[in-house]
Amino acid sequence: MPKKLKENIIEDLGLNQLPEDKREEVLLAMTEALLKRILIVALEKIPESKKGEFDEIFKSKDSEKINEFLSDNIPGYEKMVKNEIENFKKEMKETVSQLQK
């Protein structure tokens, strides 16, 4: 997770109150959930003719190649990712707020 995004999430969700090891554990779980979410949305937008190629790239587990493929083959990919991040942060804020009640 990019450092700026990580710091933003820590601040927005009040995770700076947690011990560092717990904070990292929560961030790791959130990152995995967010990446899965982005992947699900991206998979829906990959053209059928490109899905086989994506499967091969995905099997390589090379995150740079995966991201490059998605960016090249999904119109508005960067905006989609930003929207998913914002939606995820909003949902996490609501969840944290409810837990604090």
N, C-alpha and C. Protein backbone atom coordinates (compact mmCIF):
# COMPACT_ATOMS: atom_id res chain seq x y z
N MET A 1 0.86 -1.17 0.00
CA MET A 1 0.00 0.00 0.00
C MET A 1 0.91 1.23 0.00
N PRO A 2 0.62 2.18 -0.89
CA PRO A 2 1.44 3.40 -0.91
C PRO A 2 1.42 4.10 0.45
N LYS A 3 2.57 4.67 0.81
CA LYS A 3 2.73 5.27 2.14
C LYS A 3 1.69 6.35 2.42
N LYS A 4 1.45 7.22 1.44
CA LYS A 4 0.49 8.31 1.66
C LYS A 4 -0.92 7.77 1.91
N LEU A 5 -1.32 6.76 1.14
CA LEU A 5 -2.64 6.15 1.34
C LEU A 5 -2.71 5.50 2.72
N LYS A 6 -1.65 4.82 3.09
CA LYS A 6 -1.58 4.16 4.40
C LYS A 6 -1.74 5.18 5.52
N GLU A 7 -1.00 6.27 5.45
CA GLU A 7 -1.08 7.32 6.47
C GLU A 7 -2.47 7.94 6.50
N ASN A 8 -3.06 8.13 5.32
CA ASN A 8 -4.39 8.71 5.22
C ASN A 8 -5.42 7.81 5.89
N ILE A 9 -5.33 6.51 5.65
CA ILE A 9 -6.27 5.56 6.25
C ILE A 9 -6.08 5.52 7.77
N ILE A 10 -4.84 5.49 8.22
CA ILE A 10 -4.56 5.47 9.66
C ILE A 10 -5.20 6.67 10.33
N GLU A 11 -5.01 7.83 9.73
CA GLU A 11 -5.56 9.06 10.31
C GLU A 11 -7.08 9.09 10.23
N ASP A 12 -7.63 8.81 9.05
CA ASP A 12 -9.08 8.88 8.85
C ASP A 12 -9.86 7.93 9.76
N LEU A 13 -9.30 6.76 10.01
CA LEU A 13 -10.00 5.76 10.79
C LEU A 13 -9.59 5.75 12.26
N GLY A 14 -8.69 6.64 12.63
CA GLY A 14 -8.27 6.70 14.02
C GLY A 14 -7.44 5.49 14.44
N LEU A 15 -6.76 4.87 13.49
CA LEU A 15 -5.97 3.69 13.81
C LEU A 15 -4.67 4.03 14.53
N ASN A 16 -4.34 5.31 14.56
CA ASN A 16 -3.12 5.71 15.26
C ASN A 16 -3.22 5.47 16.76
N GLN A 17 -4.39 5.16 17.25
CA GLN A 17 -4.60 4.84 18.66
C GLN A 17 -4.16 3.41 18.98
N LEU A 18 -4.06 2.58 17.95
CA LEU A 18 -3.70 1.18 18.15
C LEU A 18 -2.20 1.02 18.29
N PRO A 19 -1.77 -0.04 19.01
CA PRO A 19 -0.34 -0.35 19.03
C PRO A 19 0.12 -0.64 17.59
N GLU A 20 1.38 -0.37 17.31
CA GLU A 20 1.88 -0.48 15.93
C GLU A 20 1.66 -1.86 15.33
N ASP A 21 1.86 -2.93 16.09
CA ASP A 21 1.69 -4.28 15.53
C ASP A 21 0.23 -4.54 15.16
N LYS A 22 -0.70 -4.08 15.99
CA LYS A 22 -2.12 -4.25 15.68
C LYS A 22 -2.53 -3.38 14.49
N ARG A 23 -1.98 -2.17 14.46
CA ARG A 23 -2.28 -1.25 13.35
C ARG A 23 -1.83 -1.88 12.02
N GLU A 24 -0.64 -2.47 11.99
CA GLU A 24 -0.14 -3.11 10.78
C GLU A 24 -1.00 -4.31 10.40
N GLU A 25 -1.46 -5.05 11.40
CA GLU A 25 -2.32 -6.21 11.16
C GLU A 25 -3.64 -5.76 10.53
N VAL A 26 -4.22 -4.70 11.07
CA VAL A 26 -5.48 -4.17 10.53
C VAL A 26 -5.27 -3.64 9.11
N LEU A 27 -4.18 -2.92 8.90
CA LEU A 27 -3.90 -2.38 7.57
C LEU A 27 -3.69 -3.49 6.54
N LEU A 28 -3.02 -4.56 6.93
CA LEU A 28 -2.81 -5.67 6.02
C LEU A 28 -4.15 -6.30 5.62
N ALA A 29 -5.01 -6.52 6.60
CA ALA A 29 -6.33 -7.09 6.31
C ALA A 29 -7.15 -6.15 5.41
N MET A 30 -7.07 -4.87 5.68
CA MET A 30 -7.81 -3.90 4.87
C MET A 30 -7.26 -3.84 3.45
N THR A 31 -5.94 -3.90 3.32
CA THR A 31 -5.32 -3.88 2.00
C THR A 31 -5.76 -5.09 1.18
N GLU A 32 -5.74 -6.26 1.80
CA GLU A 32 -6.17 -7.47 1.10
C GLU A 32 -7.62 -7.37 0.66
N ALA A 33 -8.47 -6.87 1.54
CA ALA A 33 -9.90 -6.72 1.20
C ALA A 33 -10.08 -5.72 0.06
N LEU A 34 -9.35 -4.63 0.12
CA LEU A 34 -9.46 -3.60 -0.91
C LEU A 34 -8.96 -4.12 -2.26
N LEU A 35 -7.84 -4.83 -2.26
CA LEU A 35 -7.32 -5.37 -3.51
C LEU A 35 -8.27 -6.39 -4.13
N LYS A 36 -8.88 -7.21 -3.30
CA LYS A 36 -9.86 -8.18 -3.81
C LYS A 36 -11.05 -7.46 -4.43
N ARG A 37 -11.47 -6.42 -3.77
CA ARG A 37 -12.60 -5.64 -4.25
C ARG A 37 -12.30 -5.00 -5.61
N ILE A 38 -11.11 -4.40 -5.71
CA ILE A 38 -10.70 -3.78 -6.97
C ILE A 38 -10.61 -4.84 -8.06
N LEU A 39 -10.07 -5.99 -7.74
CA LEU A 39 -9.94 -7.06 -8.72
C LEU A 39 -11.30 -7.54 -9.22
N ILE A 40 -12.25 -7.67 -8.33
CA ILE A 40 -13.59 -8.11 -8.72
C ILE A 40 -14.22 -7.12 -9.70
N VAL A 41 -14.11 -5.84 -9.40
CA VAL A 41 -14.67 -4.82 -10.29
C VAL A 41 -13.92 -4.84 -11.62
N ALA A 42 -12.60 -4.96 -11.56
CA ALA A 42 -11.79 -4.98 -12.79
C ALA A 42 -12.14 -6.18 -13.66
N LEU A 43 -12.32 -7.34 -13.05
CA LEU A 43 -12.64 -8.54 -13.82
C LEU A 43 -13.93 -8.39 -14.61
N GLU A 44 -14.87 -7.66 -14.06
CA GLU A 44 -16.14 -7.43 -14.76
C GLU A 44 -15.95 -6.54 -15.99
N LYS A 45 -14.88 -5.75 -15.99
CA LYS A 45 -14.67 -4.78 -17.06
C LYS A 45 -13.67 -5.23 -18.13
N ILE A 46 -12.95 -6.32 -17.87
CA ILE A 46 -11.98 -6.81 -18.86
C ILE A 46 -12.75 -7.37 -20.05
N PRO A 47 -12.41 -6.95 -21.26
CA PRO A 47 -13.09 -7.50 -22.43
C PRO A 47 -12.90 -9.03 -22.50
N GLU A 48 -13.93 -9.72 -22.94
CA GLU A 48 -13.88 -11.18 -23.04
C GLU A 48 -12.66 -11.64 -23.81
N SER A 49 -12.33 -10.92 -24.86
CA SER A 49 -11.21 -11.32 -25.72
C SER A 49 -9.86 -11.22 -25.01
N LYS A 50 -9.81 -10.53 -23.88
CA LYS A 50 -8.56 -10.33 -23.15
C LYS A 50 -8.47 -11.16 -21.87
N LYS A 51 -9.52 -11.87 -21.52
CA LYS A 51 -9.54 -12.60 -20.24
C LYS A 51 -8.50 -13.72 -20.17
N GLY A 52 -8.26 -14.41 -21.27
CA GLY A 52 -7.24 -15.46 -21.28
C GLY A 52 -5.86 -14.88 -21.04
N GLU A 53 -5.58 -13.76 -21.69
CA GLU A 53 -4.30 -13.07 -21.50
C GLU A 53 -4.15 -12.61 -20.04
N PHE A 54 -5.25 -12.10 -19.49
CA PHE A 54 -5.19 -11.66 -18.09
C PHE A 54 -4.91 -12.84 -17.16
N ASP A 55 -5.54 -13.97 -17.41
CA ASP A 55 -5.31 -15.16 -16.58
C ASP A 55 -3.83 -15.51 -16.53
N GLU A 56 -3.17 -15.46 -17.67
CA GLU A 56 -1.73 -15.79 -17.73
C GLU A 56 -0.91 -14.76 -16.94
N ILE A 57 -1.23 -13.51 -17.09
CA ILE A 57 -0.50 -12.46 -16.36
C ILE A 57 -0.78 -12.58 -14.86
N PHE A 58 -2.01 -12.87 -14.51
CA PHE A 58 -2.38 -12.99 -13.10
C PHE A 58 -1.63 -14.15 -12.44
N LYS A 59 -1.48 -15.26 -13.16
CA LYS A 59 -0.76 -16.42 -12.63
C LYS A 59 0.70 -16.09 -12.31
N SER A 60 1.26 -15.09 -13.01
CA SER A 60 2.65 -14.71 -12.77
C SER A 60 2.84 -14.01 -11.42
N LYS A 61 1.74 -13.50 -10.87
CA LYS A 61 1.74 -12.78 -9.59
C LYS A 61 2.64 -11.54 -9.61
N ASP A 62 2.89 -11.03 -10.79
CA ASP A 62 3.71 -9.81 -10.95
C ASP A 62 2.75 -8.62 -10.90
N SER A 63 2.71 -7.95 -9.75
CA SER A 63 1.72 -6.89 -9.55
C SER A 63 1.88 -5.73 -10.54
N GLU A 64 3.11 -5.44 -10.95
CA GLU A 64 3.32 -4.37 -11.92
C GLU A 64 2.71 -4.73 -13.27
N LYS A 65 2.93 -5.97 -13.72
CA LYS A 65 2.36 -6.41 -15.00
C LYS A 65 0.84 -6.47 -14.94
N ILE A 66 0.33 -6.94 -13.80
CA ILE A 66 -1.13 -7.00 -13.63
C ILE A 66 -1.72 -5.61 -13.71
N ASN A 67 -1.14 -4.68 -12.97
CA ASN A 67 -1.64 -3.32 -12.95
C ASN A 67 -1.53 -2.67 -14.34
N GLU A 68 -0.42 -2.92 -15.02
CA GLU A 68 -0.24 -2.38 -16.36
C GLU A 68 -1.29 -2.93 -17.32
N PHE A 69 -1.54 -4.24 -17.25
CA PHE A 69 -2.55 -4.86 -18.11
C PHE A 69 -3.92 -4.23 -17.85
N LEU A 70 -4.28 -4.13 -16.59
CA LEU A 70 -5.60 -3.57 -16.25
C LEU A 70 -5.72 -2.13 -16.72
N SER A 71 -4.67 -1.37 -16.50
CA SER A 71 -4.66 0.03 -16.92
C SER A 71 -4.80 0.16 -18.44
N ASP A 72 -4.12 -0.74 -19.17
CA ASP A 72 -4.16 -0.69 -20.63
C ASP A 72 -5.48 -1.19 -21.22
N ASN A 73 -6.19 -2.05 -20.50
CA ASN A 73 -7.35 -2.72 -21.07
C ASN A 73 -8.69 -2.33 -20.47
N ILE A 74 -8.67 -1.49 -19.46
CA ILE A 74 -9.92 -1.04 -18.86
C ILE A 74 -9.97 0.48 -18.93
N PRO A 75 -10.85 1.00 -19.75
CA PRO A 75 -10.97 2.47 -19.83
C PRO A 75 -11.34 3.04 -18.45
N GLY A 76 -10.63 4.07 -18.04
CA GLY A 76 -10.92 4.71 -16.76
C GLY A 76 -10.47 3.89 -15.55
N TYR A 77 -9.50 3.01 -15.74
CA TYR A 77 -9.05 2.12 -14.66
C TYR A 77 -8.59 2.90 -13.42
N GLU A 78 -7.77 3.91 -13.63
CA GLU A 78 -7.23 4.68 -12.49
C GLU A 78 -8.37 5.33 -11.70
N LYS A 79 -9.33 5.88 -12.40
CA LYS A 79 -10.47 6.51 -11.73
C LYS A 79 -11.28 5.46 -10.97
N MET A 80 -11.45 4.28 -11.58
CA MET A 80 -12.18 3.20 -10.94
C MET A 80 -11.50 2.81 -9.62
N VAL A 81 -10.16 2.70 -9.66
CA VAL A 81 -9.40 2.34 -8.46
C VAL A 81 -9.58 3.41 -7.39
N LYS A 82 -9.47 4.66 -7.77
CA LYS A 82 -9.65 5.76 -6.80
C LYS A 82 -11.04 5.72 -6.19
N ASN A 83 -12.05 5.46 -7.01
CA ASN A 83 -13.43 5.39 -6.51
C ASN A 83 -13.59 4.24 -5.52
N GLU A 84 -13.00 3.08 -5.84
CA GLU A 84 -13.08 1.94 -4.93
C GLU A 84 -12.38 2.23 -3.61
N ILE A 85 -11.25 2.90 -3.67
CA ILE A 85 -10.53 3.27 -2.45
C ILE A 85 -11.37 4.21 -1.60
N GLU A 86 -11.95 5.21 -2.24
CA GLU A 86 -12.78 6.17 -1.50
C GLU A 86 -14.01 5.50 -0.90
N ASN A 87 -14.66 4.64 -1.67
CA ASN A 87 -15.83 3.92 -1.15
C ASN A 87 -15.45 3.02 0.02
N PHE A 88 -14.32 2.35 -0.10
CA PHE A 88 -13.84 1.47 0.96
C PHE A 88 -13.55 2.27 2.23
N LYS A 89 -12.86 3.39 2.08
CA LYS A 89 -12.56 4.23 3.24
C LYS A 89 -13.84 4.72 3.90
N LYS A 90 -14.81 5.11 3.09
CA LYS A 90 -16.08 5.59 3.63
C LYS A 90 -16.76 4.48 4.43
N GLU A 91 -16.80 3.28 3.87
CA GLU A 91 -17.42 2.15 4.57
C GLU A 91 -16.68 1.82 5.86
N MET A 92 -15.36 1.88 5.83
CA MET A 92 -14.57 1.58 7.03
C MET A 92 -14.80 2.65 8.10
N LYS A 93 -14.91 3.91 7.69
CA LYS A 93 -15.20 4.98 8.65
C LYS A 93 -16.54 4.74 9.33
N GLU A 94 -17.54 4.35 8.53
CA GLU A 94 -18.87 4.08 9.08
C GLU A 94 -18.82 2.90 10.04
N THR A 95 -18.07 1.87 9.69
CA THR A 95 -17.94 0.70 10.53
C THR A 95 -17.25 1.06 11.84
N VAL A 96 -16.15 1.81 11.75
CA VAL A 96 -15.43 2.21 12.97
C VAL A 96 -16.33 3.07 13.84
N SER A 97 -17.07 3.98 13.23
CA SER A 97 -17.98 4.86 13.97
C SER A 97 -19.03 4.03 14.72
N GLN A 98 -19.59 3.04 14.06
CA GLN A 98 -20.60 2.18 14.70
C GLN A 98 -20.00 1.35 15.84
N LEU A 99 -18.77 0.91 15.66
CA LEU A 99 -18.11 0.11 16.70
C LEU A 99 -17.80 0.93 17.95
N GLN A 100 -17.63 2.23 17.75
CA GLN A 100 -17.29 3.11 18.88
C GLN A 100 -18.52 3.51 19.69
N LYS A 101 -19.70 3.19 19.22
CA LYS A 101 -20.93 3.56 19.93
C LYS A 101 -21.20 2.61 21.07
